[in-house]
Amino acid sequence: GKDVYLDGAEIDSIEYNEETDMYYYNGQ
């Protein structure tokens, strides 16, 4: 088996904006 997973910092790099109700990552 091979397990590849995201760590907390990678997950937290996605930002959520409550005002726009959108997620942001790397300018997208």
mmCIF file of all heavy atoms, coordinates in Angstrom:
data_MODEL
# 
_entry.id   MODEL 
# 
loop_
_atom_site.group_PDB 
_atom_site.id 
_atom_site.type_symbol 
_atom_site.label_atom_id 
_atom_site.label_alt_id 
_atom_site.label_comp_id 
_atom_site.label_asym_id 
_atom_site.label_entity_id 
_atom_site.label_seq_id 
_atom_site.pdbx_PDB_ins_code 
_atom_site.Cartn_x 
_atom_site.Cartn_y 
_atom_site.Cartn_z 
_atom_site.occupancy 
_atom_site.B_iso_or_equiv 
_atom_site.pdbx_formal_charge 
_atom_site.auth_seq_id 
_atom_site.auth_comp_id 
_atom_site.auth_asym_id 
_atom_site.auth_atom_id 
_atom_site.pdbx_PDB_model_num 
ATOM 1   N N   . GLY A 1 1  ? 0.796   -1.215 0.000   1.00 0.00 ? 1  GLY A N   1 
ATOM 2   C CA  . GLY A 1 1  ? 0.000   0.000  0.000   1.00 0.00 ? 1  GLY A CA  1 
ATOM 3   C C   . GLY A 1 1  ? 0.829   1.266  0.000   1.00 0.00 ? 1  GLY A C   1 
ATOM 4   O O   . GLY A 1 1  ? 1.983   1.275  0.417   1.00 0.00 ? 1  GLY A O   1 
ATOM 5   N N   . LYS A 1 2  ? 0.208   2.332  -0.480  1.00 0.00 ? 2  LYS A N   1 
ATOM 6   C CA  . LYS A 1 2  ? 0.845   3.652  -0.489  1.00 0.00 ? 2  LYS A CA  1 
ATOM 7   C C   . LYS A 1 2  ? -0.210  4.682  -0.102  1.00 0.00 ? 2  LYS A C   1 
ATOM 8   O O   . LYS A 1 2  ? -1.265  4.765  -0.731  1.00 0.00 ? 2  LYS A O   1 
ATOM 9   C CB  . LYS A 1 2  ? 1.401   3.968  -1.875  1.00 0.00 ? 2  LYS A CB  1 
ATOM 10  C CG  . LYS A 1 2  ? 2.061   5.321  -1.952  1.00 0.00 ? 2  LYS A CG  1 
ATOM 11  C CD  . LYS A 1 2  ? 2.613   5.574  -3.343  1.00 0.00 ? 2  LYS A CD  1 
ATOM 12  C CE  . LYS A 1 2  ? 3.276   6.937  -3.398  1.00 0.00 ? 2  LYS A CE  1 
ATOM 13  N NZ  . LYS A 1 2  ? 3.785   7.217  -4.741  1.00 0.00 ? 2  LYS A NZ  1 
ATOM 14  N N   . ASP A 1 3  ? 0.074   5.435  0.936   1.00 0.00 ? 3  ASP A N   1 
ATOM 15  C CA  . ASP A 1 3  ? -0.851  6.445  1.446   1.00 0.00 ? 3  ASP A CA  1 
ATOM 16  C C   . ASP A 1 3  ? -0.276  7.826  1.188   1.00 0.00 ? 3  ASP A C   1 
ATOM 17  O O   . ASP A 1 3  ? 0.859   8.117  1.578   1.00 0.00 ? 3  ASP A O   1 
ATOM 18  C CB  . ASP A 1 3  ? -1.057  6.229  2.950   1.00 0.00 ? 3  ASP A CB  1 
ATOM 19  C CG  . ASP A 1 3  ? -2.163  7.089  3.525   1.00 0.00 ? 3  ASP A CG  1 
ATOM 20  O OD1 . ASP A 1 3  ? -3.050  7.517  2.757   1.00 0.00 ? 3  ASP A OD1 1 
ATOM 21  O OD2 . ASP A 1 3  ? -2.153  7.313  4.747   1.00 0.00 ? 3  ASP A OD2 1 
ATOM 22  N N   . VAL A 1 4  ? -1.043  8.663  0.510   1.00 0.00 ? 4  VAL A N   1 
ATOM 23  C CA  . VAL A 1 4  ? -0.656  10.056 0.296   1.00 0.00 ? 4  VAL A CA  1 
ATOM 24  C C   . VAL A 1 4  ? -1.799  10.905 0.843   1.00 0.00 ? 4  VAL A C   1 
ATOM 25  O O   . VAL A 1 4  ? -2.955  10.693 0.484   1.00 0.00 ? 4  VAL A O   1 
ATOM 26  C CB  . VAL A 1 4  ? -0.416  10.368 -1.197  1.00 0.00 ? 4  VAL A CB  1 
ATOM 27  C CG1 . VAL A 1 4  ? 0.001   11.820 -1.381  1.00 0.00 ? 4  VAL A CG1 1 
ATOM 28  C CG2 . VAL A 1 4  ? 0.637   9.431  -1.787  1.00 0.00 ? 4  VAL A CG2 1 
ATOM 29  N N   . TYR A 1 5  ? -1.471  11.842 1.713   1.00 0.00 ? 5  TYR A N   1 
ATOM 30  C CA  . TYR A 1 5  ? -2.504  12.643 2.362   1.00 0.00 ? 5  TYR A CA  1 
ATOM 31  C C   . TYR A 1 5  ? -2.014  14.075 2.528   1.00 0.00 ? 5  TYR A C   1 
ATOM 32  O O   . TYR A 1 5  ? -0.805  14.354 2.457   1.00 0.00 ? 5  TYR A O   1 
ATOM 33  C CB  . TYR A 1 5  ? -2.881  12.052 3.723   1.00 0.00 ? 5  TYR A CB  1 
ATOM 34  C CG  . TYR A 1 5  ? -1.705  11.837 4.626   1.00 0.00 ? 5  TYR A CG  1 
ATOM 35  C CD1 . TYR A 1 5  ? -1.271  12.841 5.485   1.00 0.00 ? 5  TYR A CD1 1 
ATOM 36  C CD2 . TYR A 1 5  ? -0.985  10.645 4.600   1.00 0.00 ? 5  TYR A CD2 1 
ATOM 37  C CE1 . TYR A 1 5  ? -0.173  12.659 6.307   1.00 0.00 ? 5  TYR A CE1 1 
ATOM 38  C CE2 . TYR A 1 5  ? 0.104   10.443 5.416   1.00 0.00 ? 5  TYR A CE2 1 
ATOM 39  C CZ  . TYR A 1 5  ? 0.509   11.458 6.261   1.00 0.00 ? 5  TYR A CZ  1 
ATOM 40  O OH  . TYR A 1 5  ? 1.608   11.275 7.062   1.00 0.00 ? 5  TYR A OH  1 
ATOM 41  N N   . LEU A 1 6  ? -2.960  14.959 2.737   1.00 0.00 ? 6  LEU A N   1 
ATOM 42  C CA  . LEU A 1 6  ? -2.628  16.359 2.954   1.00 0.00 ? 6  LEU A CA  1 
ATOM 43  C C   . LEU A 1 6  ? -2.429  16.614 4.438   1.00 0.00 ? 6  LEU A C   1 
ATOM 44  O O   . LEU A 1 6  ? -3.124  16.039 5.268   1.00 0.00 ? 6  LEU A O   1 
ATOM 45  C CB  . LEU A 1 6  ? -3.757  17.259 2.430   1.00 0.00 ? 6  LEU A CB  1 
ATOM 46  C CG  . LEU A 1 6  ? -4.094  17.123 0.949   1.00 0.00 ? 6  LEU A CG  1 
ATOM 47  C CD1 . LEU A 1 6  ? -5.183  18.128 0.563   1.00 0.00 ? 6  LEU A CD1 1 
ATOM 48  C CD2 . LEU A 1 6  ? -2.875  17.287 0.074   1.00 0.00 ? 6  LEU A CD2 1 
ATOM 49  N N   . ASP A 1 7  ? -1.473  17.481 4.737   1.00 0.00 ? 7  ASP A N   1 
ATOM 50  C CA  . ASP A 1 7  ? -1.297  17.857 6.134   1.00 0.00 ? 7  ASP A CA  1 
ATOM 51  C C   . ASP A 1 7  ? -2.156  19.092 6.417   1.00 0.00 ? 7  ASP A C   1 
ATOM 52  O O   . ASP A 1 7  ? -2.773  19.670 5.515   1.00 0.00 ? 7  ASP A O   1 
ATOM 53  C CB  . ASP A 1 7  ? 0.173   18.081 6.470   1.00 0.00 ? 7  ASP A CB  1 
ATOM 54  C CG  . ASP A 1 7  ? 0.814   19.221 5.691   1.00 0.00 ? 7  ASP A CG  1 
ATOM 55  O OD1 . ASP A 1 7  ? 0.119   20.189 5.323   1.00 0.00 ? 7  ASP A OD1 1 
ATOM 56  O OD2 . ASP A 1 7  ? 2.035   19.144 5.449   1.00 0.00 ? 7  ASP A OD2 1 
ATOM 57  N N   . GLY A 1 8  ? -2.202  19.478 7.677   1.00 0.00 ? 8  GLY A N   1 
ATOM 58  C CA  . GLY A 1 8  ? -3.052  20.591 8.087   1.00 0.00 ? 8  GLY A CA  1 
ATOM 59  C C   . GLY A 1 8  ? -2.748  21.885 7.356   1.00 0.00 ? 8  GLY A C   1 
ATOM 60  O O   . GLY A 1 8  ? -3.658  22.623 6.979   1.00 0.00 ? 8  GLY A O   1 
ATOM 61  N N   . ALA A 1 9  ? -1.469  22.167 7.125   1.00 0.00 ? 9  ALA A N   1 
ATOM 62  C CA  . ALA A 1 9  ? -1.092  23.407 6.439   1.00 0.00 ? 9  ALA A CA  1 
ATOM 63  C C   . ALA A 1 9  ? -1.593  23.399 4.996   1.00 0.00 ? 9  ALA A C   1 
ATOM 64  O O   . ALA A 1 9  ? -2.039  24.430 4.481   1.00 0.00 ? 9  ALA A O   1 
ATOM 65  C CB  . ALA A 1 9  ? 0.423   23.591 6.480   1.00 0.00 ? 9  ALA A CB  1 
ATOM 66  N N   . GLU A 1 10 ? -1.532  22.245 4.350   1.00 0.00 ? 10 GLU A N   1 
ATOM 67  C CA  . GLU A 1 10 ? -2.023  22.157 2.968   1.00 0.00 ? 10 GLU A CA  1 
ATOM 68  C C   . GLU A 1 10 ? -3.534  22.363 2.911   1.00 0.00 ? 10 GLU A C   1 
ATOM 69  O O   . GLU A 1 10 ? -4.039  23.058 2.026   1.00 0.00 ? 10 GLU A O   1 
ATOM 70  C CB  . GLU A 1 10 ? -1.644  20.804 2.362   1.00 0.00 ? 10 GLU A CB  1 
ATOM 71  C CG  . GLU A 1 10 ? -0.148  20.664 2.136   1.00 0.00 ? 10 GLU A CG  1 
ATOM 72  C CD  . GLU A 1 10 ? 0.293   19.242 1.894   1.00 0.00 ? 10 GLU A CD  1 
ATOM 73  O OE1 . GLU A 1 10 ? -0.213  18.322 2.576   1.00 0.00 ? 10 GLU A OE1 1 
ATOM 74  O OE2 . GLU A 1 10 ? 1.174   19.046 1.024   1.00 0.00 ? 10 GLU A OE2 1 
ATOM 75  N N   . ILE A 1 11 ? -4.241  21.781 3.858   1.00 0.00 ? 11 ILE A N   1 
ATOM 76  C CA  . ILE A 1 11 ? -5.694  21.967 3.906   1.00 0.00 ? 11 ILE A CA  1 
ATOM 77  C C   . ILE A 1 11 ? -6.032  23.417 4.237   1.00 0.00 ? 11 ILE A C   1 
ATOM 78  O O   . ILE A 1 11 ? -6.912  24.026 3.619   1.00 0.00 ? 11 ILE A O   1 
ATOM 79  C CB  . ILE A 1 11 ? -6.328  20.993 4.922   1.00 0.00 ? 11 ILE A CB  1 
ATOM 80  C CG1 . ILE A 1 11 ? -6.190  19.549 4.424   1.00 0.00 ? 11 ILE A CG1 1 
ATOM 81  C CG2 . ILE A 1 11 ? -7.797  21.349 5.172   1.00 0.00 ? 11 ILE A CG2 1 
ATOM 82  C CD1 . ILE A 1 11 ? -6.596  18.488 5.428   1.00 0.00 ? 11 ILE A CD1 1 
ATOM 83  N N   . ASP A 1 12 ? -5.292  23.992 5.190   1.00 0.00 ? 12 ASP A N   1 
ATOM 84  C CA  . ASP A 1 12 ? -5.549  25.373 5.606   1.00 0.00 ? 12 ASP A CA  1 
ATOM 85  C C   . ASP A 1 12 ? -5.151  26.405 4.555   1.00 0.00 ? 12 ASP A C   1 
ATOM 86  O O   . ASP A 1 12 ? -5.509  27.583 4.677   1.00 0.00 ? 12 ASP A O   1 
ATOM 87  C CB  . ASP A 1 12 ? -4.829  25.679 6.918   1.00 0.00 ? 12 ASP A CB  1 
ATOM 88  C CG  . ASP A 1 12 ? -5.424  24.934 8.094   1.00 0.00 ? 12 ASP A CG  1 
ATOM 89  O OD1 . ASP A 1 12 ? -6.569  24.435 7.974   1.00 0.00 ? 12 ASP A OD1 1 
ATOM 90  O OD2 . ASP A 1 12 ? -4.741  24.834 9.134   1.00 0.00 ? 12 ASP A OD2 1 
ATOM 91  N N   . SER A 1 13 ? -4.409  25.996 3.523   1.00 0.00 ? 13 SER A N   1 
ATOM 92  C CA  . SER A 1 13 ? -4.026  26.944 2.479   1.00 0.00 ? 13 SER A CA  1 
ATOM 93  C C   . SER A 1 13 ? -5.221  27.357 1.621   1.00 0.00 ? 13 SER A C   1 
ATOM 94  O O   . SER A 1 13 ? -5.152  28.324 0.868   1.00 0.00 ? 13 SER A O   1 
ATOM 95  C CB  . SER A 1 13 ? -2.910  26.355 1.594   1.00 0.00 ? 13 SER A CB  1 
ATOM 96  O OG  . SER A 1 13 ? -3.396  25.263 0.834   1.00 0.00 ? 13 SER A OG  1 
ATOM 97  N N   . ILE A 1 14 ? -6.308  26.647 1.742   1.00 0.00 ? 14 ILE A N   1 
ATOM 98  C CA  . ILE A 1 14 ? -7.554  27.022 1.061   1.00 0.00 ? 14 ILE A CA  1 
ATOM 99  C C   . ILE A 1 14 ? -8.315  27.956 1.993   1.00 0.00 ? 14 ILE A C   1 
ATOM 100 O O   . ILE A 1 14 ? -8.600  27.612 3.136   1.00 0.00 ? 14 ILE A O   1 
ATOM 101 C CB  . ILE A 1 14 ? -8.400  25.778 0.737   1.00 0.00 ? 14 ILE A CB  1 
ATOM 102 C CG1 . ILE A 1 14 ? -7.621  24.833 -0.169  1.00 0.00 ? 14 ILE A CG1 1 
ATOM 103 C CG2 . ILE A 1 14 ? -9.726  26.182 0.107   1.00 0.00 ? 14 ILE A CG2 1 
ATOM 104 C CD1 . ILE A 1 14 ? -8.256  23.475 -0.328  1.00 0.00 ? 14 ILE A CD1 1 
ATOM 105 N N   . GLU A 1 15 ? -8.608  29.137 1.504   1.00 0.00 ? 15 GLU A N   1 
ATOM 106 C CA  . GLU A 1 15 ? -9.275  30.138 2.334   1.00 0.00 ? 15 GLU A CA  1 
ATOM 107 C C   . GLU A 1 15 ? -10.754 30.230 1.975   1.00 0.00 ? 15 GLU A C   1 
ATOM 108 O O   . GLU A 1 15 ? -11.122 30.109 0.813   1.00 0.00 ? 15 GLU A O   1 
ATOM 109 C CB  . GLU A 1 15 ? -8.613  31.496 2.147   1.00 0.00 ? 15 GLU A CB  1 
ATOM 110 C CG  . GLU A 1 15 ? -7.166  31.509 2.595   1.00 0.00 ? 15 GLU A CG  1 
ATOM 111 C CD  . GLU A 1 15 ? -6.488  32.846 2.357   1.00 0.00 ? 15 GLU A CD  1 
ATOM 112 O OE1 . GLU A 1 15 ? -7.180  33.819 2.000   1.00 0.00 ? 15 GLU A OE1 1 
ATOM 113 O OE2 . GLU A 1 15 ? -5.268  32.904 2.528   1.00 0.00 ? 15 GLU A OE2 1 
ATOM 114 N N   . TYR A 1 16 ? -11.560 30.451 2.985   1.00 0.00 ? 16 TYR A N   1 
ATOM 115 C CA  . TYR A 1 16 ? -13.002 30.624 2.781   1.00 0.00 ? 16 TYR A CA  1 
ATOM 116 C C   . TYR A 1 16 ? -13.385 32.052 3.117   1.00 0.00 ? 16 TYR A C   1 
ATOM 117 O O   . TYR A 1 16 ? -12.978 32.589 4.143   1.00 0.00 ? 16 TYR A O   1 
ATOM 118 C CB  . TYR A 1 16 ? -13.790 29.648 3.656   1.00 0.00 ? 16 TYR A CB  1 
ATOM 119 C CG  . TYR A 1 16 ? -15.275 29.842 3.565   1.00 0.00 ? 16 TYR A CG  1 
ATOM 120 C CD1 . TYR A 1 16 ? -15.958 29.518 2.399   1.00 0.00 ? 16 TYR A CD1 1 
ATOM 121 C CD2 . TYR A 1 16 ? -15.986 30.370 4.632   1.00 0.00 ? 16 TYR A CD2 1 
ATOM 122 C CE1 . TYR A 1 16 ? -17.330 29.704 2.309   1.00 0.00 ? 16 TYR A CE1 1 
ATOM 123 C CE2 . TYR A 1 16 ? -17.363 30.560 4.549   1.00 0.00 ? 16 TYR A CE2 1 
ATOM 124 C CZ  . TYR A 1 16 ? -18.023 30.227 3.382   1.00 0.00 ? 16 TYR A CZ  1 
ATOM 125 O OH  . TYR A 1 16 ? -19.373 30.409 3.282   1.00 0.00 ? 16 TYR A OH  1 
ATOM 126 N N   . ASN A 1 17 ? -14.177 32.687 2.260   1.00 0.00 ? 17 ASN A N   1 
ATOM 127 C CA  . ASN A 1 17 ? -14.663 34.039 2.488   1.00 0.00 ? 17 ASN A CA  1 
ATOM 128 C C   . ASN A 1 17 ? -16.163 33.971 2.740   1.00 0.00 ? 17 ASN A C   1 
ATOM 129 O O   . ASN A 1 17 ? -16.927 33.614 1.832   1.00 0.00 ? 17 ASN A O   1 
ATOM 130 C CB  . ASN A 1 17 ? -14.350 34.915 1.269   1.00 0.00 ? 17 ASN A CB  1 
ATOM 131 C CG  . ASN A 1 17 ? -14.746 36.355 1.479   1.00 0.00 ? 17 ASN A CG  1 
ATOM 132 O OD1 . ASN A 1 17 ? -15.855 36.645 1.907   1.00 0.00 ? 17 ASN A OD1 1 
ATOM 133 N ND2 . ASN A 1 17 ? -13.832 37.256 1.165   1.00 0.00 ? 17 ASN A ND2 1 
ATOM 134 N N   . GLU A 1 18 ? -16.565 34.291 3.956   1.00 0.00 ? 18 GLU A N   1 
ATOM 135 C CA  . GLU A 1 18 ? -17.991 34.221 4.311   1.00 0.00 ? 18 GLU A CA  1 
ATOM 136 C C   . GLU A 1 18 ? -18.834 35.210 3.514   1.00 0.00 ? 18 GLU A C   1 
ATOM 137 O O   . GLU A 1 18 ? -19.987 34.908 3.189   1.00 0.00 ? 18 GLU A O   1 
ATOM 138 C CB  . GLU A 1 18 ? -18.170 34.478 5.810   1.00 0.00 ? 18 GLU A CB  1 
ATOM 139 C CG  . GLU A 1 18 ? -17.710 33.338 6.671   1.00 0.00 ? 18 GLU A CG  1 
ATOM 140 C CD  . GLU A 1 18 ? -17.984 33.566 8.146   1.00 0.00 ? 18 GLU A CD  1 
ATOM 141 O OE1 . GLU A 1 18 ? -18.917 34.337 8.475   1.00 0.00 ? 18 GLU A OE1 1 
ATOM 142 O OE2 . GLU A 1 18 ? -17.278 32.969 8.961   1.00 0.00 ? 18 GLU A OE2 1 
ATOM 143 N N   . GLU A 1 19 ? -18.279 36.378 3.209   1.00 0.00 ? 19 GLU A N   1 
ATOM 144 C CA  . GLU A 1 19 ? -19.056 37.390 2.482   1.00 0.00 ? 19 GLU A CA  1 
ATOM 145 C C   . GLU A 1 19 ? -19.408 36.932 1.073   1.00 0.00 ? 19 GLU A C   1 
ATOM 146 O O   . GLU A 1 19 ? -20.514 37.180 0.596   1.00 0.00 ? 19 GLU A O   1 
ATOM 147 C CB  . GLU A 1 19 ? -18.283 38.707 2.434   1.00 0.00 ? 19 GLU A CB  1 
ATOM 148 C CG  . GLU A 1 19 ? -18.176 39.383 3.777   1.00 0.00 ? 19 GLU A CG  1 
ATOM 149 C CD  . GLU A 1 19 ? -17.366 40.669 3.725   1.00 0.00 ? 19 GLU A CD  1 
ATOM 150 O OE1 . GLU A 1 19 ? -17.153 41.214 2.611   1.00 0.00 ? 19 GLU A OE1 1 
ATOM 151 O OE2 . GLU A 1 19 ? -16.947 41.130 4.795   1.00 0.00 ? 19 GLU A OE2 1 
ATOM 152 N N   . THR A 1 20 ? -18.472 36.283 0.407   1.00 0.00 ? 20 THR A N   1 
ATOM 153 C CA  . THR A 1 20 ? -18.723 35.830 -0.972  1.00 0.00 ? 20 THR A CA  1 
ATOM 154 C C   . THR A 1 20 ? -19.194 34.382 -1.021  1.00 0.00 ? 20 THR A C   1 
ATOM 155 O O   . THR A 1 20 ? -19.625 33.919 -2.073  1.00 0.00 ? 20 THR A O   1 
ATOM 156 C CB  . THR A 1 20 ? -17.446 35.949 -1.826  1.00 0.00 ? 20 THR A CB  1 
ATOM 157 O OG1 . THR A 1 20 ? -16.428 35.087 -1.275  1.00 0.00 ? 20 THR A OG1 1 
ATOM 158 C CG2 . THR A 1 20 ? -16.956 37.387 -1.878  1.00 0.00 ? 20 THR A CG2 1 
ATOM 159 N N   . ASP A 1 21 ? -19.075 33.677 0.107   1.00 0.00 ? 21 ASP A N   1 
ATOM 160 C CA  . ASP A 1 21 ? -19.411 32.253 0.180   1.00 0.00 ? 21 ASP A CA  1 
ATOM 161 C C   . ASP A 1 21 ? -18.616 31.446 -0.851  1.00 0.00 ? 21 ASP A C   1 
ATOM 162 O O   . ASP A 1 21 ? -19.129 30.537 -1.487  1.00 0.00 ? 21 ASP A O   1 
ATOM 163 C CB  . ASP A 1 21 ? -20.916 32.033 0.004   1.00 0.00 ? 21 ASP A CB  1 
ATOM 164 C CG  . ASP A 1 21 ? -21.352 30.627 0.398   1.00 0.00 ? 21 ASP A CG  1 
ATOM 165 O OD1 . ASP A 1 21 ? -20.704 30.021 1.264   1.00 0.00 ? 21 ASP A OD1 1 
ATOM 166 O OD2 . ASP A 1 21 ? -22.349 30.132 -0.181  1.00 0.00 ? 21 ASP A OD2 1 
ATOM 167 N N   . MET A 1 22 ? -17.342 31.824 -0.996  1.00 0.00 ? 22 MET A N   1 
ATOM 168 C CA  . MET A 1 22 ? -16.456 31.183 -1.971  1.00 0.00 ? 22 MET A CA  1 
ATOM 169 C C   . MET A 1 22 ? -15.160 30.757 -1.289  1.00 0.00 ? 22 MET A C   1 
ATOM 170 O O   . MET A 1 22 ? -14.754 31.317 -0.268  1.00 0.00 ? 22 MET A O   1 
ATOM 171 C CB  . MET A 1 22 ? -16.121 32.149 -3.126  1.00 0.00 ? 22 MET A CB  1 
ATOM 172 C CG  . MET A 1 22 ? -17.312 32.604 -3.937  1.00 0.00 ? 22 MET A CG  1 
ATOM 173 S SD  . MET A 1 22 ? -18.035 31.309 -4.940  1.00 0.00 ? 22 MET A SD  1 
ATOM 174 C CE  . MET A 1 22 ? -16.857 31.227 -6.265  1.00 0.00 ? 22 MET A CE  1 
ATOM 175 N N   . TYR A 1 23 ? -14.529 29.761 -1.901  1.00 0.00 ? 23 TYR A N   1 
ATOM 176 C CA  . TYR A 1 23 ? -13.216 29.287 -1.458  1.00 0.00 ? 23 TYR A CA  1 
ATOM 177 C C   . TYR A 1 23 ? -12.166 29.819 -2.418  1.00 0.00 ? 23 TYR A C   1 
ATOM 178 O O   . TYR A 1 23 ? -12.413 29.925 -3.626  1.00 0.00 ? 23 TYR A O   1 
ATOM 179 C CB  . TYR A 1 23 ? -13.175 27.758 -1.441  1.00 0.00 ? 23 TYR A CB  1 
ATOM 180 C CG  . TYR A 1 23 ? -14.059 27.175 -0.368  1.00 0.00 ? 23 TYR A CG  1 
ATOM 181 C CD1 . TYR A 1 23 ? -15.388 26.874 -0.621  1.00 0.00 ? 23 TYR A CD1 1 
ATOM 182 C CD2 . TYR A 1 23 ? -13.550 26.935 0.912   1.00 0.00 ? 23 TYR A CD2 1 
ATOM 183 C CE1 . TYR A 1 23 ? -16.201 26.347 0.368   1.00 0.00 ? 23 TYR A CE1 1 
ATOM 184 C CE2 . TYR A 1 23 ? -14.357 26.414 1.908   1.00 0.00 ? 23 TYR A CE2 1 
ATOM 185 C CZ  . TYR A 1 23 ? -15.681 26.118 1.623   1.00 0.00 ? 23 TYR A CZ  1 
ATOM 186 O OH  . TYR A 1 23 ? -16.480 25.601 2.605   1.00 0.00 ? 23 TYR A OH  1 
ATOM 187 N N   . TYR A 1 24 ? -10.967 30.110 -1.867  1.00 0.00 ? 24 TYR A N   1 
ATOM 188 C CA  . TYR A 1 24 ? -9.883  30.683 -2.662  1.00 0.00 ? 24 TYR A CA  1 
ATOM 189 C C   . TYR A 1 24 ? -8.597  29.894 -2.437  1.00 0.00 ? 24 TYR A C   1 
ATOM 190 O O   . TYR A 1 24 ? -8.275  29.525 -1.312  1.00 0.00 ? 24 TYR A O   1 
ATOM 191 C CB  . TYR A 1 24 ? -9.671  32.152 -2.279  1.00 0.00 ? 24 TYR A CB  1 
ATOM 192 C CG  . TYR A 1 24 ? -10.875 33.004 -2.589  1.00 0.00 ? 24 TYR A CG  1 
ATOM 193 C CD1 . TYR A 1 24 ? -11.889 33.158 -1.664  1.00 0.00 ? 24 TYR A CD1 1 
ATOM 194 C CD2 . TYR A 1 24 ? -10.999 33.618 -3.832  1.00 0.00 ? 24 TYR A CD2 1 
ATOM 195 C CE1 . TYR A 1 24 ? -13.012 33.917 -1.954  1.00 0.00 ? 24 TYR A CE1 1 
ATOM 196 C CE2 . TYR A 1 24 ? -12.128 34.384 -4.135  1.00 0.00 ? 24 TYR A CE2 1 
ATOM 197 C CZ  . TYR A 1 24 ? -13.112 34.524 -3.185  1.00 0.00 ? 24 TYR A CZ  1 
ATOM 198 O OH  . TYR A 1 24 ? -14.228 35.269 -3.478  1.00 0.00 ? 24 TYR A OH  1 
ATOM 199 N N   . TYR A 1 25 ? -7.899  29.685 -3.551  1.00 0.00 ? 25 TYR A N   1 
ATOM 200 C CA  . TYR A 1 25 ? -6.604  29.004 -3.481  1.00 0.00 ? 25 TYR A CA  1 
ATOM 201 C C   . TYR A 1 25 ? -5.777  29.425 -4.699  1.00 0.00 ? 25 TYR A C   1 
ATOM 202 O O   . TYR A 1 25 ? -6.249  29.321 -5.841  1.00 0.00 ? 25 TYR A O   1 
ATOM 203 C CB  . TYR A 1 25 ? -6.789  27.482 -3.466  1.00 0.00 ? 25 TYR A CB  1 
ATOM 204 C CG  . TYR A 1 25 ? -5.495  26.715 -3.490  1.00 0.00 ? 25 TYR A CG  1 
ATOM 205 C CD1 . TYR A 1 25 ? -4.695  26.646 -2.357  1.00 0.00 ? 25 TYR A CD1 1 
ATOM 206 C CD2 . TYR A 1 25 ? -5.065  26.078 -4.646  1.00 0.00 ? 25 TYR A CD2 1 
ATOM 207 C CE1 . TYR A 1 25 ? -3.500  25.965 -2.374  1.00 0.00 ? 25 TYR A CE1 1 
ATOM 208 C CE2 . TYR A 1 25 ? -3.869  25.387 -4.665  1.00 0.00 ? 25 TYR A CE2 1 
ATOM 209 C CZ  . TYR A 1 25 ? -3.089  25.328 -3.532  1.00 0.00 ? 25 TYR A CZ  1 
ATOM 210 O OH  . TYR A 1 25 ? -1.894  24.661 -3.544  1.00 0.00 ? 25 TYR A OH  1 
ATOM 211 N N   . ASN A 1 26 ? -4.575  29.918 -4.449  1.00 0.00 ? 26 ASN A N   1 
ATOM 212 C CA  . ASN A 1 26 ? -3.657  30.312 -5.534  1.00 0.00 ? 26 ASN A CA  1 
ATOM 213 C C   . ASN A 1 26 ? -4.315  31.225 -6.568  1.00 0.00 ? 26 ASN A C   1 
ATOM 214 O O   . ASN A 1 26 ? -4.171  31.027 -7.772  1.00 0.00 ? 26 ASN A O   1 
ATOM 215 C CB  . ASN A 1 26 ? -3.071  29.090 -6.239  1.00 0.00 ? 26 ASN A CB  1 
ATOM 216 C CG  . ASN A 1 26 ? -1.900  28.507 -5.485  1.00 0.00 ? 26 ASN A CG  1 
ATOM 217 O OD1 . ASN A 1 26 ? -1.377  29.108 -4.547  1.00 0.00 ? 26 ASN A OD1 1 
ATOM 218 N ND2 . ASN A 1 26 ? -1.475  27.328 -5.883  1.00 0.00 ? 26 ASN A ND2 1 
ATOM 219 N N   . GLY A 1 27 ? -5.061  32.203 -6.099  1.00 0.00 ? 27 GLY A N   1 
ATOM 220 C CA  . GLY A 1 27 ? -5.673  33.173 -6.995  1.00 0.00 ? 27 GLY A CA  1 
ATOM 221 C C   . GLY A 1 27 ? -6.917  32.672 -7.720  1.00 0.00 ? 27 GLY A C   1 
ATOM 222 O O   . GLY A 1 27 ? -7.464  33.384 -8.554  1.00 0.00 ? 27 GLY A O   1 
ATOM 223 N N   . GLN A 1 28 ? -7.359  31.479 -7.428  1.00 0.00 ? 28 GLN A N   1 
ATOM 224 C CA  . GLN A 1 28 ? -8.566  30.936 -8.053  1.00 0.00 ? 28 GLN A CA  1 
ATOM 225 C C   . GLN A 1 28 ? -9.680  30.891 -7.022  1.00 0.00 ? 28 GLN A C   1 
ATOM 226 O O   . GLN A 1 28 ? -9.423  30.865 -5.824  1.00 0.00 ? 28 GLN A O   1 
ATOM 227 C CB  . GLN A 1 28 ? -8.307  29.534 -8.595  1.00 0.00 ? 28 GLN A CB  1 
ATOM 228 C CG  . GLN A 1 28 ? -7.245  29.483 -9.665  1.00 0.00 ? 28 GLN A CG  1 
ATOM 229 C CD  . GLN A 1 28 ? -6.986  28.054 -10.106 1.00 0.00 ? 28 GLN A CD  1 
ATOM 230 O OE1 . GLN A 1 28 ? -7.484  27.108 -9.516  1.00 0.00 ? 28 GLN A OE1 1 
ATOM 231 N NE2 . GLN A 1 28 ? -6.196  27.893 -11.151 1.00 0.00 ? 28 GLN A NE2 1 
# 
